Amino acid sequence: SAGAVAFSDDGDPVYDSNIMKLALAYSADLGRPISNHCQEKSLSCNGVMAEGPVATHLGLDGIPAAAEETMIARDISLAEATGGRLHVAHLSTAGSVALLREAKERGLPVTSEVCPHHLTITDSWVFGNKGAPVDVAGGMAYDTTTKVYPPLRAQTDVDALVRGLADGVIDCVATDHAPHDVISKQVTYQDASFGISVLETALGSLLQLVHGRKLSMGAMVERLTSGPARVLGESYADLASMVPGTSADIVLFDPNAEWTVDPAEFESKGKNTPLAGTTLKGRVAATFASGQMVYQGPELRFGEPRPR
């Protein structure tokens, strides 16, 4: 059936608290979630990465954790007051996980998501040497492919996000895939566009957590499939179903296939990834949409994908 599955102001937060309250009140009647990018920009100001030792070392303006957490706290309070359905986009801090945990314990209609990069890499990657210690700057310091919003944060935040995903406080994984052209990233860190091209590295990144025994295979699959469907509501449960008669949207993957990330091989026009040259274990073998194979990986050959 036609119609909106959710409502959002996309990459912008809903600044006006009364508008957010009204939106949540309407969502209670419509049965559709309000998804908010929670960033209090009066706190983040001109920040370009996470506030902390790395930002200080590099002389970059930082975005404090409070910029995210204060708006999440506001929205949880408004969801409780209205009975509306709140979905918090791309969590990045330990404090945000704590707020969502407490809200769920109280039975509030609140869901959330996290991105693969916030689960697997930290703000130390801004040095450009794949997470080397804070006091060592590599040849690619100020690596603009790491610039993303919300920003990459400290290891303590990463650990809290992984725990939250594993125990179900965080409902699903979303890529927040943000491809950019080369020109948008080959500038100073301050001037570079926010965003990482994530779609093609998402599975391999998440499987790092599985292979490291921080997340079960079952939990990973659930957070990528039935988790997002559940966020949309019961009427969309079939999106994550393999019951005969439902839409056959299926991904086949090899959890043990090792490959080196080469942005030049991306299907996406966006090549902006900090994972270039990194070896990942786990890769998509084929993708089916409505029963038709639309993608097959380099190691799989049983016919040609059909154009959509």
C-alpha atoms as a PDB file:
ATOM      1  CA  SER A   1       0.000   0.000   0.000  1.00  0.00           C
ATOM      2  CA  ALA A   2       1.115   3.564  -0.667  1.00  0.00           C
ATOM      3  CA  GLY A   3       2.032   6.048   2.030  1.00  0.00           C
ATOM      4  CA  ALA A   4       4.841   7.053   4.366  1.00  0.00           C
ATOM      5  CA  VAL A   5       6.433   4.397   6.561  1.00  0.00           C
ATOM      6  CA  ALA A   6       8.019   6.980   8.888  1.00  0.00           C
ATOM      7  CA  PHE A   7       8.672  10.710   9.176  1.00  0.00           C
ATOM      8  CA  SER A   8      11.990  12.533   9.441  1.00  0.00           C
ATOM      9  CA  ASP A   9      13.771  15.778   8.654  1.00  0.00           C
ATOM     10  CA  ASP A  10      16.554  13.626   7.168  1.00  0.00           C
ATOM     11  CA  GLY A  11      19.996  14.859   8.244  1.00  0.00           C
ATOM     12  CA  ASP A  12      18.703  17.830  10.207  1.00  0.00           C
ATOM     13  CA  PRO A  13      17.512  17.642  13.815  1.00  0.00           C
ATOM     14  CA  VAL A  14      14.057  18.829  14.784  1.00  0.00           C
ATOM     15  CA  TYR A  15      15.184  21.891  16.713  1.00  0.00           C
ATOM     16  CA  ASP A  16      11.814  23.205  17.889  1.00  0.00           C
ATOM     17  CA  SER A  17      10.683  21.170  20.895  1.00  0.00           C
ATOM     18  CA  ASN A  18       7.018  22.037  20.378  1.00  0.00           C
ATOM     19  CA  ILE A  19       7.120  20.876  16.755  1.00  0.00           C
ATOM     20  CA  MET A  20       8.723  17.625  17.897  1.00  0.00           C
ATOM     21  CA  LYS A  21       6.042  17.214  20.546  1.00  0.00           C
ATOM     22  CA  LEU A  22       3.292  17.721  17.957  1.00  0.00           C
ATOM     23  CA  ALA A  23       4.964  15.327  15.528  1.00  0.00           C
ATOM     24  CA  LEU A  24       5.159  12.630  18.180  1.00  0.00           C
ATOM     25  CA  ALA A  25       1.526  13.217  19.136  1.00  0.00           C
ATOM     26  CA  TYR A  26       0.486  12.677  15.515  1.00  0.00           C
ATOM     27  CA  SER A  27       2.715   9.607  15.278  1.00  0.00           C
ATOM     28  CA  ALA A  28       0.779   8.016  18.119  1.00  0.00           C
ATOM     29  CA  ASP A  29      -2.394   8.241  16.018  1.00  0.00           C
ATOM     30  CA  LEU A  30      -0.776   7.271  12.720  1.00  0.00           C
ATOM     31  CA  GLY A  31       1.289   4.390  14.042  1.00  0.00           C
ATOM     32  CA  ARG A  32       4.366   5.685  12.242  1.00  0.00           C
ATOM     33  CA  PRO A  33       7.677   6.499  13.962  1.00  0.00           C
ATOM     34  CA  ILE A  34       9.348   9.897  14.012  1.00  0.00           C
ATOM     35  CA  SER A  35      13.039   9.449  13.227  1.00  0.00           C
ATOM     36  CA  ASN A  36      15.286  12.198  14.516  1.00  0.00           C
ATOM     37  CA  HIS A  37      18.945  12.988  13.893  1.00  0.00           C
ATOM     38  CA  CYS A  38      19.685  14.042  17.464  1.00  0.00           C
ATOM     39  CA  GLN A  39      22.330  16.770  17.474  1.00  0.00           C
ATOM     40  CA  GLU A  40      21.977  19.994  19.442  1.00  0.00           C
ATOM     41  CA  LYS A  41      23.858  22.275  17.064  1.00  0.00           C
ATOM     42  CA  SER A  42      24.153  25.081  19.578  1.00  0.00           C
ATOM     43  CA  LEU A  43      26.523  22.699  21.377  1.00  0.00           C
ATOM     44  CA  SER A  44      28.258  21.185  18.362  1.00  0.00           C
ATOM     45  CA  CYS A  45      28.772  24.623  16.738  1.00  0.00           C
ATOM     46  CA  ASN A  46      31.614  24.360  14.210  1.00  0.00           C
ATOM     47  CA  GLY A  47      32.775  20.937  15.372  1.00  0.00           C
ATOM     48  CA  VAL A  48      34.167  18.559  12.767  1.00  0.00           C
ATOM     49  CA  MET A  49      35.042  15.504  14.890  1.00  0.00           C
ATOM     50  CA  ALA A  50      34.464  14.147  18.385  1.00  0.00           C
ATOM     51  CA  GLU A  51      35.515  16.322  21.281  1.00  0.00           C
ATOM     52  CA  GLY A  52      38.444  14.715  23.087  1.00  0.00           C
ATOM     53  CA  PRO A  53      42.217  14.171  23.125  1.00  0.00           C
ATOM     54  CA  VAL A  54      42.461  13.435  19.395  1.00  0.00           C
ATOM     55  CA  ALA A  55      40.660  16.643  18.418  1.00  0.00           C
ATOM     56  CA  THR A  56      42.832  18.608  20.833  1.00  0.00           C
ATOM     57  CA  HIS A  57      46.012  17.028  19.465  1.00  0.00           C
ATOM     58  CA  LEU A  58      45.025  17.866  15.888  1.00  0.00           C
ATOM     59  CA  GLY A  59      43.720  21.334  16.698  1.00  0.00           C
ATOM     60  CA  LEU A  60      40.229  20.579  15.374  1.00  0.00           C
ATOM     61  CA  ASP A  61      36.940  21.816  16.816  1.00  0.00           C
ATOM     62  CA  GLY A  62      35.194  19.016  18.687  1.00  0.00           C
ATOM     63  CA  ILE A  63      31.571  17.913  18.921  1.00  0.00           C
ATOM     64  CA  PRO A  64      30.729  17.000  22.542  1.00  0.00           C
ATOM     65  CA  ALA A  65      28.758  13.887  23.433  1.00  0.00           C
ATOM     66  CA  ALA A  66      26.250  16.189  25.127  1.00  0.00           C
ATOM     67  CA  ALA A  67      25.196  17.549  21.721  1.00  0.00           C
ATOM     68  CA  GLU A  68      23.656  14.159  20.969  1.00  0.00           C
ATOM     69  CA  GLU A  69      22.580  13.146  24.436  1.00  0.00           C
ATOM     70  CA  THR A  70      20.673  16.303  25.386  1.00  0.00           C
ATOM     71  CA  MET A  71      18.399  16.022  22.348  1.00  0.00           C
ATOM     72  CA  ILE A  72      17.844  12.307  22.886  1.00  0.00           C
ATOM     73  CA  ALA A  73      16.854  13.025  26.487  1.00  0.00           C
ATOM     74  CA  ARG A  74      14.436  15.702  25.268  1.00  0.00           C
ATOM     75  CA  ASP A  75      12.860  13.419  22.692  1.00  0.00           C
ATOM     76  CA  ILE A  76      12.462  10.522  25.116  1.00  0.00           C
ATOM     77  CA  SER A  77      10.651  12.869  27.492  1.00  0.00           C
ATOM     78  CA  LEU A  78       8.366  14.048  24.675  1.00  0.00           C
ATOM     79  CA  ALA A  79       7.679  10.478  23.572  1.00  0.00           C
ATOM     80  CA  GLU A  80       6.666   9.620  27.112  1.00  0.00           C
ATOM     81  CA  ALA A  81       4.388  12.665  27.321  1.00  0.00           C
ATOM     82  CA  THR A  82       2.638  12.005  24.004  1.00  0.00           C
ATOM     83  CA  GLY A  83       2.771   8.238  23.588  1.00  0.00           C
ATOM     84  CA  GLY A  84       4.371   8.819  20.192  1.00  0.00           C
ATOM     85  CA  ARG A  85       6.834   6.470  18.534  1.00  0.00           C
ATOM     86  CA  LEU A  86      10.389   7.801  18.579  1.00  0.00           C
ATOM     87  CA  HIS A  87      13.246   6.387  16.510  1.00  0.00           C
ATOM     88  CA  VAL A  88      16.716   7.744  17.246  1.00  0.00           C
ATOM     89  CA  ALA A  89      19.032   7.680  14.243  1.00  0.00           C
ATOM     90  CA  HIS A  90      22.718   6.673  14.319  1.00  0.00           C
ATOM     91  CA  LEU A  91      23.732   6.605  17.976  1.00  0.00           C
ATOM     92  CA  SER A  92      27.378   7.401  18.668  1.00  0.00           C
ATOM     93  CA  THR A  93      27.907   7.761  22.437  1.00  0.00           C
ATOM     94  CA  ALA A  94      27.871   5.595  25.544  1.00  0.00           C
ATOM     95  CA  GLY A  95      25.563   8.118  27.196  1.00  0.00           C
ATOM     96  CA  SER A  96      23.036   7.727  24.393  1.00  0.00           C
ATOM     97  CA  VAL A  97      22.978   3.964  24.912  1.00  0.00           C
ATOM     98  CA  ALA A  98      22.353   4.508  28.627  1.00  0.00           C
ATOM     99  CA  LEU A  99      19.427   6.842  27.878  1.00  0.00           C
ATOM    100  CA  LEU A 100      17.859   4.330  25.470  1.00  0.00           C
ATOM    101  CA  ARG A 101      18.389   1.470  27.913  1.00  0.00           C
ATOM    102  CA  GLU A 102      16.571   3.322  30.675  1.00  0.00           C
ATOM    103  CA  ALA A 103      13.729   4.314  28.327  1.00  0.00           C
ATOM    104  CA  LYS A 104      13.213   0.722  27.218  1.00  0.00           C
ATOM    105  CA  GLU A 105      13.256  -0.507  30.789  1.00  0.00           C
ATOM    106  CA  ARG A 106      10.335   1.852  31.405  1.00  0.00           C
ATOM    107  CA  GLY A 107       8.480   0.429  28.418  1.00  0.00           C
ATOM    108  CA  LEU A 108       8.530   3.584  26.301  1.00  0.00           C
ATOM    109  CA  PRO A 109       7.894   3.302  22.519  1.00  0.00           C
ATOM    110  CA  VAL A 110      11.467   4.172  21.596  1.00  0.00           C
ATOM    111  CA  THR A 111      13.759   2.488  19.061  1.00  0.00           C
ATOM    112  CA  SER A 112      17.229   3.270  17.773  1.00  0.00           C
ATOM    113  CA  GLU A 113      19.913   2.365  15.262  1.00  0.00           C
ATOM    114  CA  VAL A 114      23.695   2.363  15.023  1.00  0.00           C
ATOM    115  CA  CYS A 115      26.077   2.429  12.051  1.00  0.00           C
ATOM    116  CA  PRO A 116      28.868  -0.060  11.270  1.00  0.00           C
ATOM    117  CA  HIS A 117      31.595   2.595  11.511  1.00  0.00           C
ATOM    118  CA  HIS A 118      30.499   3.679  14.982  1.00  0.00           C
ATOM    119  CA  LEU A 119      30.762   0.031  16.064  1.00  0.00           C
ATOM    120  CA  THR A 120      34.203  -0.711  14.669  1.00  0.00           C
ATOM    121  CA  ILE A 121      36.464   2.351  14.342  1.00  0.00           C
ATOM    122  CA  THR A 122      37.312   5.253  16.636  1.00  0.00           C
ATOM    123  CA  ASP A 123      38.255   8.905  16.435  1.00  0.00           C
ATOM    124  CA  SER A 124      41.935   7.904  16.453  1.00  0.00           C
ATOM    125  CA  TRP A 125      41.462   6.952  12.785  1.00  0.00           C
ATOM    126  CA  VAL A 126      41.418  10.666  11.971  1.00  0.00           C
ATOM    127  CA  PHE A 127      45.216  10.435  12.288  1.00  0.00           C
ATOM    128  CA  GLY A 128      45.091   8.480   9.044  1.00  0.00           C
ATOM    129  CA  ASN A 129      47.001   5.428  10.267  1.00  0.00           C
ATOM    130  CA  LYS A 130      44.093   3.088  10.950  1.00  0.00           C
ATOM    131  CA  GLY A 131      43.778   3.688  14.682  1.00  0.00           C
ATOM    132  CA  ALA A 132      47.392   4.089  15.825  1.00  0.00           C
ATOM    133  CA  PRO A 133      48.017   5.656  19.281  1.00  0.00           C
ATOM    134  CA  VAL A 134      46.959   9.248  19.846  1.00  0.00           C
ATOM    135  CA  ASP A 135      50.490  10.654  19.984  1.00  0.00           C
ATOM    136  CA  VAL A 136      51.492   9.259  16.583  1.00  0.00           C
ATOM    137  CA  ALA A 137      50.375  11.061  13.421  1.00  0.00           C
ATOM    138  CA  GLY A 138      50.663   9.062  10.214  1.00  0.00           C
ATOM    139  CA  GLY A 139      51.357  10.267   6.716  1.00  0.00           C
ATOM    140  CA  MET A 140      47.617  10.661   6.136  1.00  0.00           C
ATOM    141  CA  ALA A 141      46.849  12.723   9.252  1.00  0.00           C
ATOM    142  CA  TYR A 142      43.566  14.627   8.981  1.00  0.00           C
ATOM    143  CA  ASP A 143      42.145  11.784   6.871  1.00  0.00           C
ATOM    144  CA  THR A 144      38.935  13.340   5.540  1.00  0.00           C
ATOM    145  CA  THR A 145      37.386   9.944   4.774  1.00  0.00           C
ATOM    146  CA  THR A 146      36.868   9.636   8.541  1.00  0.00           C
ATOM    147  CA  LYS A 147      34.751  12.786   8.714  1.00  0.00           C
ATOM    148  CA  VAL A 148      31.194  11.708   9.455  1.00  0.00           C
ATOM    149  CA  TYR A 149      28.176  13.014  11.354  1.00  0.00           C
ATOM    150  CA  PRO A 150      27.750  12.060  14.125  1.00  0.00           C
ATOM    151  CA  PRO A 151      31.504  11.742  14.508  1.00  0.00           C
ATOM    152  CA  LEU A 152      33.623   8.707  15.255  1.00  0.00           C
ATOM    153  CA  ARG A 153      34.174   8.586  19.001  1.00  0.00           C
ATOM    154  CA  ALA A 154      36.369   6.996  21.681  1.00  0.00           C
ATOM    155  CA  GLN A 155      36.821   3.270  22.313  1.00  0.00           C
ATOM    156  CA  THR A 156      34.620   3.480  25.428  1.00  0.00           C
ATOM    157  CA  ASP A 157      31.759   4.697  23.240  1.00  0.00           C
ATOM    158  CA  VAL A 158      32.389   1.968  20.662  1.00  0.00           C
ATOM    159  CA  ASP A 159      32.339  -0.686  23.391  1.00  0.00           C
ATOM    160  CA  ALA A 160      29.055   0.632  24.818  1.00  0.00           C
ATOM    161  CA  LEU A 161      27.450   0.686  21.365  1.00  0.00           C
ATOM    162  CA  VAL A 162      28.502  -2.911  20.696  1.00  0.00           C
ATOM    163  CA  ARG A 163      27.059  -4.037  24.038  1.00  0.00           C
ATOM    164  CA  GLY A 164      23.851  -2.144  23.336  1.00  0.00           C
ATOM    165  CA  LEU A 165      23.493  -3.811  19.953  1.00  0.00           C
ATOM    166  CA  ALA A 166      24.280  -7.254  21.349  1.00  0.00           C
ATOM    167  CA  ASP A 167      21.751  -7.099  24.177  1.00  0.00           C
ATOM    168  CA  GLY A 168      18.961  -5.532  22.132  1.00  0.00           C
ATOM    169  CA  VAL A 169      18.900  -2.010  23.533  1.00  0.00           C
ATOM    170  CA  ILE A 170      19.769  -0.859  20.002  1.00  0.00           C
ATOM    171  CA  ASP A 171      17.202  -2.298  17.597  1.00  0.00           C
ATOM    172  CA  CYS A 172      18.969  -2.304  14.273  1.00  0.00           C
ATOM    173  CA  VAL A 173      21.957  -1.413  12.130  1.00  0.00           C
ATOM    174  CA  ALA A 174      21.682   1.277   9.450  1.00  0.00           C
ATOM    175  CA  THR A 175      24.556   2.168   7.141  1.00  0.00           C
ATOM    176  CA  ASP A 176      23.900   5.929   6.868  1.00  0.00           C
ATOM    177  CA  HIS A 177      25.573   5.419   3.473  1.00  0.00           C
ATOM    178  CA  ALA A 178      26.801   8.866   2.382  1.00  0.00           C
ATOM    179  CA  PRO A 179      28.767   8.749  -0.884  1.00  0.00           C
ATOM    180  CA  HIS A 180      30.686  11.846  -1.951  1.00  0.00           C
ATOM    181  CA  ASP A 181      32.771  12.726  -4.973  1.00  0.00           C
ATOM    182  CA  VAL A 182      36.540  13.018  -4.666  1.00  0.00           C
ATOM    183  CA  ILE A 183      36.498  16.818  -4.688  1.00  0.00           C
ATOM    184  CA  SER A 184      34.289  16.901  -1.575  1.00  0.00           C
ATOM    185  CA  LYS A 185      36.944  15.046   0.403  1.00  0.00           C
ATOM    186  CA  GLN A 186      40.231  16.288  -1.100  1.00  0.00           C
ATOM    187  CA  VAL A 187      40.147  19.511   0.900  1.00  0.00           C
ATOM    188  CA  THR A 188      41.047  20.484   4.463  1.00  0.00           C
ATOM    189  CA  TYR A 189      39.379  18.523   7.246  1.00  0.00           C
ATOM    190  CA  GLN A 190      37.343  21.572   8.237  1.00  0.00           C
ATOM    191  CA  ASP A 191      36.012  22.017   4.696  1.00  0.00           C
ATOM    192  CA  ALA A 192      35.440  18.357   3.790  1.00  0.00           C
ATOM    193  CA  SER A 193      31.898  17.012   3.530  1.00  0.00           C
ATOM    194  CA  PHE A 194      30.569  14.802   6.305  1.00  0.00           C
ATOM    195  CA  GLY A 195      29.892  11.201   5.322  1.00  0.00           C
ATOM    196  CA  ILE A 196      31.307   7.748   4.619  1.00  0.00           C
ATOM    197  CA  SER A 197      30.487   5.355   1.793  1.00  0.00           C
ATOM    198  CA  VAL A 198      29.429   2.364   3.903  1.00  0.00           C
ATOM    199  CA  LEU A 199      27.107   0.118   1.921  1.00  0.00           C
ATOM    200  CA  GLU A 200      29.769  -2.210   0.524  1.00  0.00           C
ATOM    201  CA  THR A 201      31.817  -2.544   3.711  1.00  0.00           C
ATOM    202  CA  ALA A 202      28.934  -2.828   6.192  1.00  0.00           C
ATOM    203  CA  LEU A 203      28.725  -6.618   6.335  1.00  0.00           C
ATOM    204  CA  GLY A 204      32.482  -7.153   6.518  1.00  0.00           C
ATOM    205  CA  SER A 205      32.747  -4.563   9.283  1.00  0.00           C
ATOM    206  CA  LEU A 206      29.971  -6.134  11.346  1.00  0.00           C
ATOM    207  CA  LEU A 207      31.432  -9.603  10.913  1.00  0.00           C
ATOM    208  CA  GLN A 208      34.570  -8.332  12.674  1.00  0.00           C
ATOM    209  CA  LEU A 209      32.403  -8.217  15.787  1.00  0.00           C
ATOM    210  CA  VAL A 210      31.104 -11.732  15.149  1.00  0.00           C
ATOM    211  CA  HIS A 211      34.570 -13.182  14.567  1.00  0.00           C
ATOM    212  CA  GLY A 212      35.766 -11.325  17.669  1.00  0.00           C
ATOM    213  CA  ARG A 213      32.916 -12.887  19.695  1.00  0.00           C
ATOM    214  CA  LYS A 214      31.468  -9.528  20.624  1.00  0.00           C
ATOM    215  CA  LEU A 215      28.237 -10.176  18.712  1.00  0.00           C
ATOM    216  CA  SER A 216      26.560 -13.453  17.804  1.00  0.00           C
ATOM    217  CA  MET A 217      25.879 -14.297  14.169  1.00  0.00           C
ATOM    218  CA  GLY A 218      22.178 -14.559  14.975  1.00  0.00           C
ATOM    219  CA  ALA A 219      22.117 -11.117  16.580  1.00  0.00           C
ATOM    220  CA  MET A 220      23.938  -9.561  13.627  1.00  0.00           C
ATOM    221  CA  VAL A 221      21.486 -11.027  11.119  1.00  0.00           C
ATOM    222  CA  GLU A 222      18.502 -10.023  13.262  1.00  0.00           C
ATOM    223  CA  ARG A 223      19.675  -6.426  13.614  1.00  0.00           C
ATOM    224  CA  LEU A 224      20.080  -6.183   9.830  1.00  0.00           C
ATOM    225  CA  THR A 225      16.726  -7.748   8.927  1.00  0.00           C
ATOM    226  CA  SER A 226      13.856  -8.121  11.374  1.00  0.00           C
ATOM    227  CA  GLY A 227      15.226  -5.284  13.519  1.00  0.00           C
ATOM    228  CA  PRO A 228      14.643  -2.575  10.886  1.00  0.00           C
ATOM    229  CA  ALA A 229      11.296  -4.134   9.951  1.00  0.00           C
ATOM    230  CA  ARG A 230      10.212  -4.023  13.595  1.00  0.00           C
ATOM    231  CA  VAL A 231      11.114  -0.329  13.800  1.00  0.00           C
ATOM    232  CA  LEU A 232       8.639   0.377  10.994  1.00  0.00           C
ATOM    233  CA  GLY A 233       5.885  -1.539  12.775  1.00  0.00           C
ATOM    234  CA  GLU A 234       4.029  -4.836  12.776  1.00  0.00           C
ATOM    235  CA  SER A 235       2.518  -4.256   9.340  1.00  0.00           C
ATOM    236  CA  TYR A 236       6.033  -4.452   7.853  1.00  0.00           C
ATOM    237  CA  ALA A 237       7.061  -7.723   9.509  1.00  0.00           C
ATOM    238  CA  ASP A 238       6.959  -9.495   6.133  1.00  0.00           C
ATOM    239  CA  LEU A 239       9.985  -7.465   5.032  1.00  0.00           C
ATOM    240  CA  ALA A 240      12.134  -9.750   7.181  1.00  0.00           C
ATOM    241  CA  SER A 241      10.222 -12.959   6.517  1.00  0.00           C
ATOM    242  CA  MET A 242      11.067 -15.957   4.362  1.00  0.00           C
ATOM    243  CA  VAL A 243       7.562 -17.408   4.592  1.00  0.00           C
ATOM    244  CA  PRO A 244       6.227 -18.475   1.165  1.00  0.00           C
ATOM    245  CA  GLY A 245       4.288 -15.639  -0.422  1.00  0.00           C
ATOM    246  CA  THR A 246       6.355 -12.822   1.072  1.00  0.00           C
ATOM    247  CA  SER A 247       8.801 -10.710  -0.908  1.00  0.00           C
ATOM    248  CA  ALA A 248      12.021 -12.681  -1.476  1.00  0.00           C
ATOM    249  CA  ASP A 249      14.541  -9.992  -0.539  1.00  0.00           C
ATOM    250  CA  ILE A 250      17.548 -12.115   0.399  1.00  0.00           C
ATOM    251  CA  VAL A 251      21.287 -11.658   0.843  1.00  0.00           C
ATOM    252  CA  LEU A 252      23.701 -14.592   0.610  1.00  0.00           C
ATOM    253  CA  PHE A 253      27.084 -14.075   2.239  1.00  0.00           C
ATOM    254  CA  ASP A 254      30.255 -15.966   3.006  1.00  0.00           C
ATOM    255  CA  PRO A 255      31.293 -15.119   6.591  1.00  0.00           C
ATOM    256  CA  ASN A 256      34.836 -16.386   6.043  1.00  0.00           C
ATOM    257  CA  ALA A 257      35.720 -14.806   2.690  1.00  0.00           C
ATOM    258  CA  GLU A 258      38.703 -12.496   3.166  1.00  0.00           C
ATOM    259  CA  TRP A 259      39.030  -9.477   0.908  1.00  0.00           C
ATOM    260  CA  THR A 260      40.888  -6.196   0.796  1.00  0.00           C
ATOM    261  CA  VAL A 261      38.800  -3.049   0.546  1.00  0.00           C
ATOM    262  CA  ASP A 262      39.491  -1.310  -2.767  1.00  0.00           C
ATOM    263  CA  PRO A 263      37.211   1.699  -3.330  1.00  0.00           C
ATOM    264  CA  ALA A 264      37.924   1.538  -7.066  1.00  0.00           C
ATOM    265  CA  GLU A 265      35.912  -1.693  -7.139  1.00  0.00           C
ATOM    266  CA  PHE A 266      32.864  -0.221  -5.387  1.00  0.00           C
ATOM    267  CA  GLU A 267      29.564  -0.326  -7.238  1.00  0.00           C
ATOM    268  CA  SER A 268      28.753   2.970  -5.515  1.00  0.00           C
ATOM    269  CA  LYS A 269      30.027   6.156  -7.125  1.00  0.00           C
ATOM    270  CA  GLY A 270      31.143   7.216  -3.661  1.00  0.00           C
ATOM    271  CA  LYS A 271      34.662   5.928  -2.922  1.00  0.00           C
ATOM    272  CA  ASN A 272      35.051   7.769   0.381  1.00  0.00           C
ATOM    273  CA  THR A 273      35.934   5.097   2.939  1.00  0.00           C
ATOM    274  CA  PRO A 274      38.587   5.072   5.672  1.00  0.00           C
ATOM    275  CA  LEU A 275      38.771   1.286   5.231  1.00  0.00           C
ATOM    276  CA  ALA A 276      40.697   1.428   1.933  1.00  0.00           C
ATOM    277  CA  GLY A 277      43.460  -1.176   2.084  1.00  0.00           C
ATOM    278  CA  THR A 278      41.935  -2.892   5.116  1.00  0.00           C
ATOM    279  CA  THR A 279      41.368  -6.653   5.029  1.00  0.00           C
ATOM    280  CA  LEU A 280      37.869  -7.724   6.058  1.00  0.00           C
ATOM    281  CA  LYS A 281      36.570 -11.237   6.672  1.00  0.00           C
ATOM    282  CA  GLY A 282      33.079 -11.755   5.302  1.00  0.00           C
ATOM    283  CA  ARG A 283      31.535 -10.666   2.019  1.00  0.00           C
ATOM    284  CA  VAL A 284      28.204 -10.545   0.206  1.00  0.00           C
ATOM    285  CA  ALA A 285      27.960 -13.311  -2.403  1.00  0.00           C
ATOM    286  CA  ALA A 286      24.606 -12.421  -3.960  1.00  0.00           C
ATOM    287  CA  THR A 287      21.599 -10.165  -3.452  1.00  0.00           C
ATOM    288  CA  PHE A 288      18.041 -10.981  -4.462  1.00  0.00           C
ATOM    289  CA  ALA A 289      15.235  -8.399  -4.675  1.00  0.00           C
ATOM    290  CA  SER A 290      11.702  -9.746  -5.041  1.00  0.00           C
ATOM    291  CA  GLY A 291      13.184 -13.093  -5.991  1.00  0.00           C
ATOM    292  CA  GLN A 292      15.426 -11.749  -8.754  1.00  0.00           C
ATOM    293  CA  MET A 293      19.211 -11.796  -8.433  1.00  0.00           C
ATOM    294  CA  VAL A 294      20.396  -8.212  -8.798  1.00  0.00           C
ATOM    295  CA  TYR A 295      23.981  -8.594  -7.607  1.00  0.00           C
ATOM    296  CA  GLN A 296      26.555 -11.357  -7.453  1.00  0.00           C
ATOM    297  CA  GLY A 297      29.999 -11.122  -5.971  1.00  0.00           C
ATOM    298  CA  PRO A 298      33.235 -11.961  -7.760  1.00  0.00           C
ATOM    299  CA  GLU A 299      33.480 -15.435  -6.208  1.00  0.00           C
ATOM    300  CA  LEU A 300      29.963 -16.537  -7.178  1.00  0.00           C
ATOM    301  CA  ARG A 301      28.898 -17.548 -10.669  1.00  0.00           C
ATOM    302  CA  PHE A 302      25.528 -19.151 -11.386  1.00  0.00           C
ATOM    303  CA  GLY A 303      23.968 -16.798 -13.895  1.00  0.00           C
ATOM    304  CA  GLU A 304      23.784 -13.128 -14.681  1.00  0.00           C
ATOM    305  CA  PRO A 305      21.964 -10.604 -12.464  1.00  0.00           C
ATOM    306  CA  ARG A 306      18.736  -9.316 -13.937  1.00  0.00           C
ATOM    307  CA  PRO A 307      18.438  -5.527 -14.332  1.00  0.00           C
ATOM    308  CA  ARG A 308      15.956  -3.800 -12.055  1.00  0.00           C
END
